[in-house]
Amino acid sequence: MITQRNAAANIRKVLQQATGEELAAGNDWYQAANERALMMALDFGISIEAVAYIIAALSPSVQWEQNVTAARKLLEAVVAGESTDLVLPGYPNNVAKAKTIARLAHARFSPEQWKKHLKGPKVVEFAENIINPSRCQQVTLDTHAISVASGKRFTTKSAPELRIAEFTRISAAYVKVAAEYNISPNQCQAITWLVWRRLHKGRKR
């Protein structure tokens, strides 16, 4: 069980290894994601919330560019009435969630109503960070983010299922370190994600 103090120390250690390029890319990552989601929303005449939740639903174990491409492909298929048998990357349950959200994309749901279609703190926080990158204080705790905070490399299969208390401690650690460096929590997470990926490049996830 990791403490908030130890998680913060591990996050600082990784953050301090960031290159100038990683700092710049991490600082802009969620804003750039927001712009891409907004453009997709405008293209299909739907809300950015719907797009972000589709992207988030498809995201586990799917690379970002593939993730965005799959979301657009799904929306195009829904418009054409051909989404039922569409094959998309990702876990079957996540693909099913994305298809459900896409079919409801024109519904004027509140944020809370969208969340009902996307369970799991990691994917919900990911969507929220895409929707409000400059204001969101939540942290996307994917495998890399958990590894960074734990000081131990996990793969997708070996990453622990976080209990609410553990999720809260690790999230709070990212918030604390972000404040120390005068960046947002999602910037802290994105920067350390990029550093961790570089440090472990070539290893299997």
C-alpha atoms as a PDB file:
ATOM      1  CA  MET A   1       0.000   0.000   0.000  1.00  0.00           C
ATOM      2  CA  ILE A   2       1.571   3.264  -1.099  1.00  0.00           C
ATOM      3  CA  THR A   3       1.290   6.415   0.974  1.00  0.00           C
ATOM      4  CA  GLN A   4       0.606   9.840  -0.487  1.00  0.00           C
ATOM      5  CA  ARG A   5       4.046  10.977   0.660  1.00  0.00           C
ATOM      6  CA  ASN A   6       5.837   8.122  -1.101  1.00  0.00           C
ATOM      7  CA  ALA A   7       3.744   8.565  -4.229  1.00  0.00           C
ATOM      8  CA  ALA A   8       4.614  12.269  -4.345  1.00  0.00           C
ATOM      9  CA  ALA A   9       8.331  11.469  -3.947  1.00  0.00           C
ATOM     10  CA  ASN A  10       8.169   8.997  -6.826  1.00  0.00           C
ATOM     11  CA  ILE A  11       6.305  11.472  -9.033  1.00  0.00           C
ATOM     12  CA  ARG A  12       8.905  14.195  -8.305  1.00  0.00           C
ATOM     13  CA  LYS A  13      11.720  11.817  -9.183  1.00  0.00           C
ATOM     14  CA  VAL A  14      10.257  11.134 -12.609  1.00  0.00           C
ATOM     15  CA  LEU A  15       9.215  14.748 -13.239  1.00  0.00           C
ATOM     16  CA  GLN A  16      12.772  15.928 -12.563  1.00  0.00           C
ATOM     17  CA  GLN A  17      14.006  13.732 -15.435  1.00  0.00           C
ATOM     18  CA  ALA A  18      11.810  15.446 -18.017  1.00  0.00           C
ATOM     19  CA  THR A  19      13.494  16.890 -21.076  1.00  0.00           C
ATOM     20  CA  GLY A  20      12.527  20.292 -22.447  1.00  0.00           C
ATOM     21  CA  GLU A  21      10.620  18.571 -25.226  1.00  0.00           C
ATOM     22  CA  GLU A  22       8.702  16.404 -22.762  1.00  0.00           C
ATOM     23  CA  LEU A  23       7.846  19.409 -20.611  1.00  0.00           C
ATOM     24  CA  ALA A  24       6.461  21.268 -23.617  1.00  0.00           C
ATOM     25  CA  ALA A  25       4.547  18.256 -24.943  1.00  0.00           C
ATOM     26  CA  GLY A  26       3.135  17.344 -21.538  1.00  0.00           C
ATOM     27  CA  ASN A  27       2.061  20.894 -20.794  1.00  0.00           C
ATOM     28  CA  ASP A  28       0.084  21.000 -24.049  1.00  0.00           C
ATOM     29  CA  TRP A  29      -1.122  17.393 -24.236  1.00  0.00           C
ATOM     30  CA  TYR A  30      -4.648  17.746 -22.865  1.00  0.00           C
ATOM     31  CA  GLN A  31      -5.233  21.103 -24.517  1.00  0.00           C
ATOM     32  CA  ALA A  32      -4.307  19.536 -27.858  1.00  0.00           C
ATOM     33  CA  ALA A  33      -6.589  16.584 -27.092  1.00  0.00           C
ATOM     34  CA  ASN A  34      -9.395  19.016 -26.294  1.00  0.00           C
ATOM     35  CA  GLU A  35      -8.935  20.771 -29.634  1.00  0.00           C
ATOM     36  CA  ARG A  36      -9.076  17.495 -31.541  1.00  0.00           C
ATOM     37  CA  ALA A  37     -12.195  16.402 -29.677  1.00  0.00           C
ATOM     38  CA  LEU A  38     -13.826  19.784 -30.287  1.00  0.00           C
ATOM     39  CA  MET A  39     -13.086  19.592 -33.999  1.00  0.00           C
ATOM     40  CA  MET A  40     -14.670  16.139 -34.133  1.00  0.00           C
ATOM     41  CA  ALA A  41     -17.684  17.432 -32.214  1.00  0.00           C
ATOM     42  CA  LEU A  42     -18.132  20.241 -34.739  1.00  0.00           C
ATOM     43  CA  ASP A  43     -17.744  17.838 -37.670  1.00  0.00           C
ATOM     44  CA  PHE A  44     -20.570  15.629 -36.401  1.00  0.00           C
ATOM     45  CA  GLY A  45     -22.744  18.287 -34.789  1.00  0.00           C
ATOM     46  CA  ILE A  46     -22.508  16.777 -31.307  1.00  0.00           C
ATOM     47  CA  SER A  47     -21.166  17.896 -27.940  1.00  0.00           C
ATOM     48  CA  ILE A  48     -17.523  17.686 -26.950  1.00  0.00           C
ATOM     49  CA  GLU A  49     -18.702  15.636 -23.958  1.00  0.00           C
ATOM     50  CA  ALA A  50     -20.018  12.915 -26.262  1.00  0.00           C
ATOM     51  CA  VAL A  51     -16.761  12.819 -28.228  1.00  0.00           C
ATOM     52  CA  ALA A  52     -14.589  12.789 -25.101  1.00  0.00           C
ATOM     53  CA  TYR A  53     -16.582   9.960 -23.581  1.00  0.00           C
ATOM     54  CA  ILE A  54     -16.348   7.910 -26.780  1.00  0.00           C
ATOM     55  CA  ILE A  55     -12.583   8.449 -26.873  1.00  0.00           C
ATOM     56  CA  ALA A  56     -12.267   7.576 -23.187  1.00  0.00           C
ATOM     57  CA  ALA A  57     -14.373   4.429 -23.556  1.00  0.00           C
ATOM     58  CA  LEU A  58     -12.064   3.149 -26.294  1.00  0.00           C
ATOM     59  CA  SER A  59      -8.834   4.242 -24.604  1.00  0.00           C
ATOM     60  CA  PRO A  60      -7.730   1.306 -22.372  1.00  0.00           C
ATOM     61  CA  SER A  61      -4.731  -0.412 -24.025  1.00  0.00           C
ATOM     62  CA  VAL A  62      -5.221   1.608 -27.233  1.00  0.00           C
ATOM     63  CA  GLN A  63      -2.596   4.075 -28.478  1.00  0.00           C
ATOM     64  CA  TRP A  64      -3.724   7.689 -28.698  1.00  0.00           C
ATOM     65  CA  GLU A  65      -3.698   8.151 -32.487  1.00  0.00           C
ATOM     66  CA  GLN A  66      -5.466   4.830 -32.956  1.00  0.00           C
ATOM     67  CA  ASN A  67      -7.907   5.877 -30.244  1.00  0.00           C
ATOM     68  CA  VAL A  68      -8.880   9.112 -32.001  1.00  0.00           C
ATOM     69  CA  THR A  69      -9.081   7.418 -35.400  1.00  0.00           C
ATOM     70  CA  ALA A  70     -11.367   4.725 -33.973  1.00  0.00           C
ATOM     71  CA  ALA A  71     -13.665   7.327 -32.395  1.00  0.00           C
ATOM     72  CA  ARG A  72     -14.077   9.121 -35.720  1.00  0.00           C
ATOM     73  CA  LYS A  73     -14.612   5.833 -37.552  1.00  0.00           C
ATOM     74  CA  LEU A  74     -17.336   4.905 -35.075  1.00  0.00           C
ATOM     75  CA  LEU A  75     -19.147   8.224 -35.464  1.00  0.00           C
ATOM     76  CA  GLU A  76     -18.992   7.925 -39.250  1.00  0.00           C
ATOM     77  CA  ALA A  77     -20.458   4.423 -39.009  1.00  0.00           C
ATOM     78  CA  VAL A  78     -23.286   5.630 -36.749  1.00  0.00           C
ATOM     79  CA  VAL A  79     -24.185   8.332 -39.249  1.00  0.00           C
ATOM     80  CA  ALA A  80     -24.219   5.709 -42.013  1.00  0.00           C
ATOM     81  CA  GLY A  81     -26.237   3.291 -39.887  1.00  0.00           C
ATOM     82  CA  GLU A  82     -23.453   0.711 -40.001  1.00  0.00           C
ATOM     83  CA  SER A  83     -22.087   0.677 -36.438  1.00  0.00           C
ATOM     84  CA  THR A  84     -23.520  -2.629 -35.202  1.00  0.00           C
ATOM     85  CA  ASP A  85     -20.884  -4.938 -36.700  1.00  0.00           C
ATOM     86  CA  LEU A  86     -18.063  -2.387 -36.781  1.00  0.00           C
ATOM     87  CA  VAL A  87     -14.779  -3.816 -35.490  1.00  0.00           C
ATOM     88  CA  LEU A  88     -12.800  -1.391 -33.319  1.00  0.00           C
ATOM     89  CA  PRO A  89      -9.617  -1.686 -31.241  1.00  0.00           C
ATOM     90  CA  GLY A  90      -9.959  -2.178 -27.511  1.00  0.00           C
ATOM     91  CA  TYR A  91     -11.611  -4.502 -25.052  1.00  0.00           C
ATOM     92  CA  PRO A  92     -15.071  -5.753 -26.123  1.00  0.00           C
ATOM     93  CA  ASN A  93     -16.851  -4.207 -23.124  1.00  0.00           C
ATOM     94  CA  ASN A  94     -15.222  -0.849 -23.801  1.00  0.00           C
ATOM     95  CA  VAL A  95     -16.100  -0.989 -27.491  1.00  0.00           C
ATOM     96  CA  ALA A  96     -19.706  -1.746 -26.551  1.00  0.00           C
ATOM     97  CA  LYS A  97     -19.767   1.290 -24.243  1.00  0.00           C
ATOM     98  CA  ALA A  98     -18.327   3.499 -26.987  1.00  0.00           C
ATOM     99  CA  LYS A  99     -20.982   2.294 -29.448  1.00  0.00           C
ATOM    100  CA  THR A 100     -23.755   3.025 -26.953  1.00  0.00           C
ATOM    101  CA  ILE A 101     -22.447   6.537 -26.339  1.00  0.00           C
ATOM    102  CA  ALA A 102     -22.032   7.157 -30.073  1.00  0.00           C
ATOM    103  CA  ARG A 103     -25.638   6.179 -30.746  1.00  0.00           C
ATOM    104  CA  LEU A 104     -26.732   8.633 -28.054  1.00  0.00           C
ATOM    105  CA  ALA A 105     -24.319  11.338 -29.170  1.00  0.00           C
ATOM    106  CA  HIS A 106     -27.050  13.787 -30.182  1.00  0.00           C
ATOM    107  CA  ALA A 107     -28.806  13.499 -26.819  1.00  0.00           C
ATOM    108  CA  ARG A 108     -28.559  16.607 -24.672  1.00  0.00           C
ATOM    109  CA  PHE A 109     -27.293  14.805 -21.613  1.00  0.00           C
ATOM    110  CA  SER A 110     -25.837  16.462 -18.537  1.00  0.00           C
ATOM    111  CA  PRO A 111     -22.263  15.500 -17.522  1.00  0.00           C
ATOM    112  CA  GLU A 112     -23.700  13.195 -14.866  1.00  0.00           C
ATOM    113  CA  GLN A 113     -25.876  11.439 -17.444  1.00  0.00           C
ATOM    114  CA  TRP A 114     -22.865  10.843 -19.698  1.00  0.00           C
ATOM    115  CA  LYS A 115     -20.931   9.390 -16.769  1.00  0.00           C
ATOM    116  CA  LYS A 116     -23.581   6.730 -16.288  1.00  0.00           C
ATOM    117  CA  HIS A 117     -22.530   5.275 -19.623  1.00  0.00           C
ATOM    118  CA  LEU A 118     -18.830   5.204 -18.762  1.00  0.00           C
ATOM    119  CA  LYS A 119     -17.920   3.435 -15.539  1.00  0.00           C
ATOM    120  CA  GLY A 120     -14.446   3.367 -13.987  1.00  0.00           C
ATOM    121  CA  PRO A 121     -12.476   6.301 -12.551  1.00  0.00           C
ATOM    122  CA  LYS A 122      -9.615   6.096 -15.040  1.00  0.00           C
ATOM    123  CA  VAL A 123     -11.758   6.512 -18.136  1.00  0.00           C
ATOM    124  CA  VAL A 124     -14.072   9.075 -16.526  1.00  0.00           C
ATOM    125  CA  GLU A 125     -11.136  11.235 -15.422  1.00  0.00           C
ATOM    126  CA  PHE A 126      -9.596  10.924 -18.894  1.00  0.00           C
ATOM    127  CA  ALA A 127     -12.792  12.214 -20.486  1.00  0.00           C
ATOM    128  CA  GLU A 128     -13.070  15.062 -17.978  1.00  0.00           C
ATOM    129  CA  ASN A 129      -9.486  16.154 -18.630  1.00  0.00           C
ATOM    130  CA  ILE A 130     -10.162  16.246 -22.370  1.00  0.00           C
ATOM    131  CA  ILE A 131     -13.347  18.263 -21.856  1.00  0.00           C
ATOM    132  CA  ASN A 132     -11.897  20.844 -19.434  1.00  0.00           C
ATOM    133  CA  PRO A 133      -8.092  20.677 -19.637  1.00  0.00           C
ATOM    134  CA  SER A 134      -7.477  24.083 -18.048  1.00  0.00           C
ATOM    135  CA  ARG A 135      -9.887  23.630 -15.129  1.00  0.00           C
ATOM    136  CA  CYS A 136      -9.969  19.918 -14.376  1.00  0.00           C
ATOM    137  CA  GLN A 137      -8.288  19.006 -11.095  1.00  0.00           C
ATOM    138  CA  GLN A 138      -8.770  15.271 -11.557  1.00  0.00           C
ATOM    139  CA  VAL A 139      -5.980  12.907 -12.573  1.00  0.00           C
ATOM    140  CA  THR A 140      -6.074  10.162 -15.196  1.00  0.00           C
ATOM    141  CA  LEU A 141      -4.580   7.168 -13.406  1.00  0.00           C
ATOM    142  CA  ASP A 142      -3.700   4.765 -16.186  1.00  0.00           C
ATOM    143  CA  THR A 143      -1.010   2.063 -15.960  1.00  0.00           C
ATOM    144  CA  HIS A 144       1.827   4.537 -16.538  1.00  0.00           C
ATOM    145  CA  ALA A 145       0.525   7.018 -13.967  1.00  0.00           C
ATOM    146  CA  ILE A 146       0.150   4.275 -11.357  1.00  0.00           C
ATOM    147  CA  SER A 147       3.647   3.008 -12.185  1.00  0.00           C
ATOM    148  CA  VAL A 148       5.126   6.492 -11.805  1.00  0.00           C
ATOM    149  CA  ALA A 149       3.493   7.012  -8.425  1.00  0.00           C
ATOM    150  CA  SER A 150       4.423   3.512  -7.237  1.00  0.00           C
ATOM    151  CA  GLY A 151       8.027   3.705  -8.406  1.00  0.00           C
ATOM    152  CA  LYS A 152       7.495   0.303  -9.992  1.00  0.00           C
ATOM    153  CA  ARG A 153       6.774  -0.606 -13.575  1.00  0.00           C
ATOM    154  CA  PHE A 154       3.464  -2.322 -14.126  1.00  0.00           C
ATOM    155  CA  THR A 155       2.101  -3.745 -17.359  1.00  0.00           C
ATOM    156  CA  THR A 156      -1.517  -3.460 -18.389  1.00  0.00           C
ATOM    157  CA  LYS A 157      -2.103  -6.963 -17.050  1.00  0.00           C
ATOM    158  CA  SER A 158      -0.153  -6.561 -13.804  1.00  0.00           C
ATOM    159  CA  ALA A 159      -1.366  -3.089 -12.790  1.00  0.00           C
ATOM    160  CA  PRO A 160      -3.236  -3.292  -9.487  1.00  0.00           C
ATOM    161  CA  GLU A 161      -6.910  -2.505  -9.200  1.00  0.00           C
ATOM    162  CA  LEU A 162      -6.942   0.610  -7.053  1.00  0.00           C
ATOM    163  CA  ARG A 163      -9.358   0.867  -4.178  1.00  0.00           C
ATOM    164  CA  ILE A 164     -11.018   4.236  -3.690  1.00  0.00           C
ATOM    165  CA  ALA A 165      -8.638   5.158  -0.854  1.00  0.00           C
ATOM    166  CA  GLU A 166      -5.575   4.301  -2.962  1.00  0.00           C
ATOM    167  CA  PHE A 167      -6.953   6.133  -5.972  1.00  0.00           C
ATOM    168  CA  THR A 168      -7.538   9.190  -3.793  1.00  0.00           C
ATOM    169  CA  ARG A 169      -4.026   9.095  -2.288  1.00  0.00           C
ATOM    170  CA  ILE A 170      -2.283   8.807  -5.647  1.00  0.00           C
ATOM    171  CA  SER A 171      -4.469  11.511  -7.201  1.00  0.00           C
ATOM    172  CA  ALA A 172      -3.718  13.797  -4.252  1.00  0.00           C
ATOM    173  CA  ALA A 173       0.000  13.145  -4.703  1.00  0.00           C
ATOM    174  CA  TYR A 174      -0.170  14.308  -8.330  1.00  0.00           C
ATOM    175  CA  VAL A 175      -2.127  17.408  -7.267  1.00  0.00           C
ATOM    176  CA  LYS A 176       0.452  18.188  -4.574  1.00  0.00           C
ATOM    177  CA  VAL A 177       3.479  17.835  -6.865  1.00  0.00           C
ATOM    178  CA  ALA A 178       1.749  19.821  -9.618  1.00  0.00           C
ATOM    179  CA  ALA A 179       1.205  22.708  -7.191  1.00  0.00           C
ATOM    180  CA  GLU A 180       4.878  22.623  -6.205  1.00  0.00           C
ATOM    181  CA  TYR A 181       5.901  23.020  -9.852  1.00  0.00           C
ATOM    182  CA  ASN A 182       3.134  25.512 -10.686  1.00  0.00           C
ATOM    183  CA  ILE A 183       1.527  23.278 -13.278  1.00  0.00           C
ATOM    184  CA  SER A 184      -1.901  21.638 -13.409  1.00  0.00           C
ATOM    185  CA  PRO A 185      -2.449  18.060 -12.203  1.00  0.00           C
ATOM    186  CA  ASN A 186      -3.141  16.855 -15.741  1.00  0.00           C
ATOM    187  CA  GLN A 187       0.072  18.491 -16.961  1.00  0.00           C
ATOM    188  CA  CYS A 188       2.002  16.750 -14.194  1.00  0.00           C
ATOM    189  CA  GLN A 189       0.454  13.425 -15.150  1.00  0.00           C
ATOM    190  CA  ALA A 190       1.063  13.957 -18.883  1.00  0.00           C
ATOM    191  CA  ILE A 191       4.700  14.999 -18.440  1.00  0.00           C
ATOM    192  CA  THR A 192       5.557  12.085 -16.165  1.00  0.00           C
ATOM    193  CA  TRP A 193       3.681   9.739 -18.516  1.00  0.00           C
ATOM    194  CA  LEU A 194       5.962  10.831 -21.365  1.00  0.00           C
ATOM    195  CA  VAL A 195       9.103  10.496 -19.237  1.00  0.00           C
ATOM    196  CA  TRP A 196       8.088   7.056 -17.980  1.00  0.00           C
ATOM    197  CA  ARG A 197       7.351   5.882 -21.501  1.00  0.00           C
ATOM    198  CA  ARG A 198      10.822   7.017 -22.625  1.00  0.00           C
ATOM    199  CA  LEU A 199      12.555   5.387 -19.672  1.00  0.00           C
ATOM    200  CA  HIS A 200      10.870   2.083 -20.434  1.00  0.00           C
ATOM    201  CA  LYS A 201      10.833   2.296 -24.217  1.00  0.00           C
ATOM    202  CA  GLY A 202      11.058  -1.053 -25.943  1.00  0.00           C
ATOM    203  CA  ARG A 203       9.742  -3.039 -23.018  1.00  0.00           C
ATOM    204  CA  LYS A 204       6.449  -4.846 -23.321  1.00  0.00           C
ATOM    205  CA  ARG A 205       3.520  -3.141 -21.661  1.00  0.00           C
END
